[in-house]
Amino acid sequence: MRRQMSTQPMRPALGGILYMVLAFTLGGYFTFAAVQGDYGVFRRVQIRAEAEALTAERDRLRAELKGVTNLTHRLSDDYLDIDLLDEQARSVLGYLRSDELVIR
């Protein structure tokens, strides 16, 4: 007597499917975190751009400070620049010499 085998289609194991879903989910999460997370690629580019902007602003402020320091030194008691003093008096106080004409 021969036995007949029933021909049922084979189902994939449920554990294998769960393992694959978990692996893809974790892979997707870590990929997303590596690109857009707090320490991701996009954040790194943003931080680098902010650093460059702040460096440019720092350099601009240093140049401005150097100019103001130079003017302050030139108007100090130790070193008096008569031309600069004359320019400031004309500009700020509106002084004129008697032989000058004002054209507006």
C-alpha atoms as a PDB file:
ATOM      1  CA  MET A   1       0.000   0.000   0.000  1.00  0.00           C
ATOM      2  CA  ARG A   2       1.383   3.349  -1.008  1.00  0.00           C
ATOM      3  CA  ARG A   3       0.824   6.439   0.849  1.00  0.00           C
ATOM      4  CA  GLN A   4      -0.093   9.497  -0.993  1.00  0.00           C
ATOM      5  CA  MET A   5       1.369  12.712   0.178  1.00  0.00           C
ATOM      6  CA  SER A   6      -0.900  15.625   0.289  1.00  0.00           C
ATOM      7  CA  THR A   7       0.340  18.487  -1.827  1.00  0.00           C
ATOM      8  CA  GLN A   8      -0.136  21.527   0.306  1.00  0.00           C
ATOM      9  CA  PRO A   9       1.765  24.642  -0.663  1.00  0.00           C
ATOM     10  CA  MET A  10       4.607  25.421   1.704  1.00  0.00           C
ATOM     11  CA  ARG A  11       4.191  28.518   3.799  1.00  0.00           C
ATOM     12  CA  PRO A  12       7.196  30.540   4.751  1.00  0.00           C
ATOM     13  CA  ALA A  13       7.953  30.416   8.380  1.00  0.00           C
ATOM     14  CA  LEU A  14       6.348  33.203  10.372  1.00  0.00           C
ATOM     15  CA  GLY A  15       9.581  33.790  12.305  1.00  0.00           C
ATOM     16  CA  GLY A  16      11.503  34.441   9.080  1.00  0.00           C
ATOM     17  CA  ILE A  17       8.972  37.017   7.930  1.00  0.00           C
ATOM     18  CA  LEU A  18       9.056  38.773  11.304  1.00  0.00           C
ATOM     19  CA  TYR A  19      12.847  38.758  11.229  1.00  0.00           C
ATOM     20  CA  MET A  20      12.913  40.376   7.769  1.00  0.00           C
ATOM     21  CA  VAL A  21      10.306  43.009   8.747  1.00  0.00           C
ATOM     22  CA  LEU A  22      12.286  43.831  11.877  1.00  0.00           C
ATOM     23  CA  ALA A  23      15.551  44.035   9.916  1.00  0.00           C
ATOM     24  CA  PHE A  24      14.059  46.376   7.293  1.00  0.00           C
ATOM     25  CA  THR A  25      12.403  48.517   9.971  1.00  0.00           C
ATOM     26  CA  LEU A  26      15.627  48.903  11.935  1.00  0.00           C
ATOM     27  CA  GLY A  27      17.603  49.532   8.753  1.00  0.00           C
ATOM     28  CA  GLY A  28      15.141  52.238   7.694  1.00  0.00           C
ATOM     29  CA  TYR A  29      15.205  53.852  11.121  1.00  0.00           C
ATOM     30  CA  PHE A  30      18.993  53.970  11.323  1.00  0.00           C
ATOM     31  CA  THR A  31      19.254  55.249   7.754  1.00  0.00           C
ATOM     32  CA  PHE A  32      16.772  58.021   8.528  1.00  0.00           C
ATOM     33  CA  ALA A  33      18.628  58.898  11.755  1.00  0.00           C
ATOM     34  CA  ALA A  34      21.974  58.977   9.919  1.00  0.00           C
ATOM     35  CA  VAL A  35      20.623  61.394   7.324  1.00  0.00           C
ATOM     36  CA  GLN A  36      18.134  63.606   9.177  1.00  0.00           C
ATOM     37  CA  GLY A  37      18.703  62.978  12.873  1.00  0.00           C
ATOM     38  CA  ASP A  38      20.266  65.287  15.445  1.00  0.00           C
ATOM     39  CA  TYR A  39      23.740  64.102  14.442  1.00  0.00           C
ATOM     40  CA  GLY A  40      22.897  63.316  10.816  1.00  0.00           C
ATOM     41  CA  VAL A  41      24.338  64.504   7.538  1.00  0.00           C
ATOM     42  CA  PHE A  42      21.846  67.356   7.046  1.00  0.00           C
ATOM     43  CA  ARG A  43      22.429  68.695  10.558  1.00  0.00           C
ATOM     44  CA  ARG A  44      26.185  68.557   9.990  1.00  0.00           C
ATOM     45  CA  VAL A  45      25.853  70.603   6.798  1.00  0.00           C
ATOM     46  CA  GLN A  46      23.631  73.095   8.636  1.00  0.00           C
ATOM     47  CA  ILE A  47      26.138  73.432  11.495  1.00  0.00           C
ATOM     48  CA  ARG A  48      28.999  73.934   9.029  1.00  0.00           C
ATOM     49  CA  ALA A  49      27.053  76.716   7.237  1.00  0.00           C
ATOM     50  CA  GLU A  50      26.271  78.397  10.571  1.00  0.00           C
ATOM     51  CA  ALA A  51      29.947  78.186  11.552  1.00  0.00           C
ATOM     52  CA  GLU A  52      31.010  79.839   8.286  1.00  0.00           C
ATOM     53  CA  ALA A  53      28.429  82.623   8.733  1.00  0.00           C
ATOM     54  CA  LEU A  54      29.552  83.218  12.322  1.00  0.00           C
ATOM     55  CA  THR A  55      33.207  83.255  11.249  1.00  0.00           C
ATOM     56  CA  ALA A  56      32.443  85.879   8.600  1.00  0.00           C
ATOM     57  CA  GLU A  57      30.542  87.977  11.151  1.00  0.00           C
ATOM     58  CA  ARG A  58      33.408  87.645  13.638  1.00  0.00           C
ATOM     59  CA  ASP A  59      35.895  88.853  11.015  1.00  0.00           C
ATOM     60  CA  ARG A  60      33.646  91.801  10.126  1.00  0.00           C
ATOM     61  CA  LEU A  61      33.312  92.746  13.791  1.00  0.00           C
ATOM     62  CA  ARG A  62      37.083  92.473  14.294  1.00  0.00           C
ATOM     63  CA  ALA A  63      37.659  94.873  11.395  1.00  0.00           C
ATOM     64  CA  GLU A  64      35.057  97.265  12.773  1.00  0.00           C
ATOM     65  CA  LEU A  65      36.634  97.088  16.243  1.00  0.00           C
ATOM     66  CA  LYS A  66      40.057  97.747  14.765  1.00  0.00           C
ATOM     67  CA  GLY A  67      38.718 100.859  13.013  1.00  0.00           C
ATOM     68  CA  VAL A  68      37.007 102.166  16.134  1.00  0.00           C
ATOM     69  CA  THR A  69      40.101 101.450  18.229  1.00  0.00           C
ATOM     70  CA  ASN A  70      42.213 103.357  15.708  1.00  0.00           C
ATOM     71  CA  LEU A  71      39.867 106.369  15.816  1.00  0.00           C
ATOM     72  CA  THR A  72      39.772 106.282  19.610  1.00  0.00           C
ATOM     73  CA  HIS A  73      43.546 106.182  19.784  1.00  0.00           C
ATOM     74  CA  ARG A  74      43.868 109.072  17.315  1.00  0.00           C
ATOM     75  CA  LEU A  75      41.551 111.211  19.473  1.00  0.00           C
ATOM     76  CA  SER A  76      43.122 110.258  22.817  1.00  0.00           C
ATOM     77  CA  ASP A  77      45.157 112.563  25.057  1.00  0.00           C
ATOM     78  CA  ASP A  78      48.370 110.688  24.255  1.00  0.00           C
ATOM     79  CA  TYR A  79      48.044 111.095  20.488  1.00  0.00           C
ATOM     80  CA  LEU A  80      45.933 113.854  18.979  1.00  0.00           C
ATOM     81  CA  ASP A  81      45.329 113.895  15.237  1.00  0.00           C
ATOM     82  CA  ILE A  82      44.373 117.478  14.443  1.00  0.00           C
ATOM     83  CA  ASP A  83      42.913 116.609  11.035  1.00  0.00           C
ATOM     84  CA  LEU A  84      40.671 113.946  12.535  1.00  0.00           C
ATOM     85  CA  LEU A  85      39.617 116.297  15.335  1.00  0.00           C
ATOM     86  CA  ASP A  86      38.734 118.952  12.754  1.00  0.00           C
ATOM     87  CA  GLU A  87      36.772 116.411  10.720  1.00  0.00           C
ATOM     88  CA  GLN A  88      34.838 115.212  13.790  1.00  0.00           C
ATOM     89  CA  ALA A  89      34.065 118.763  14.923  1.00  0.00           C
ATOM     90  CA  ARG A  90      32.701 119.607  11.486  1.00  0.00           C
ATOM     91  CA  SER A  91      30.718 116.398  11.203  1.00  0.00           C
ATOM     92  CA  VAL A  92      29.263 116.097  14.683  1.00  0.00           C
ATOM     93  CA  LEU A  93      29.027 119.689  15.832  1.00  0.00           C
ATOM     94  CA  GLY A  94      28.504 121.331  12.452  1.00  0.00           C
ATOM     95  CA  TYR A  95      31.437 123.745  12.819  1.00  0.00           C
ATOM     96  CA  LEU A  96      32.623 125.801   9.853  1.00  0.00           C
ATOM     97  CA  ARG A  97      35.495 128.127   9.262  1.00  0.00           C
ATOM     98  CA  SER A  98      34.696 131.734   8.496  1.00  0.00           C
ATOM     99  CA  ASP A  99      36.028 131.506   4.950  1.00  0.00           C
ATOM    100  CA  GLU A 100      33.930 128.445   3.937  1.00  0.00           C
ATOM    101  CA  LEU A 101      30.654 128.298   2.033  1.00  0.00           C
ATOM    102  CA  VAL A 102      28.063 125.586   2.704  1.00  0.00           C
ATOM    103  CA  ILE A 103      26.425 124.062  -0.358  1.00  0.00           C
ATOM    104  CA  ARG A 104      23.519 121.703   0.199  1.00  0.00           C
END
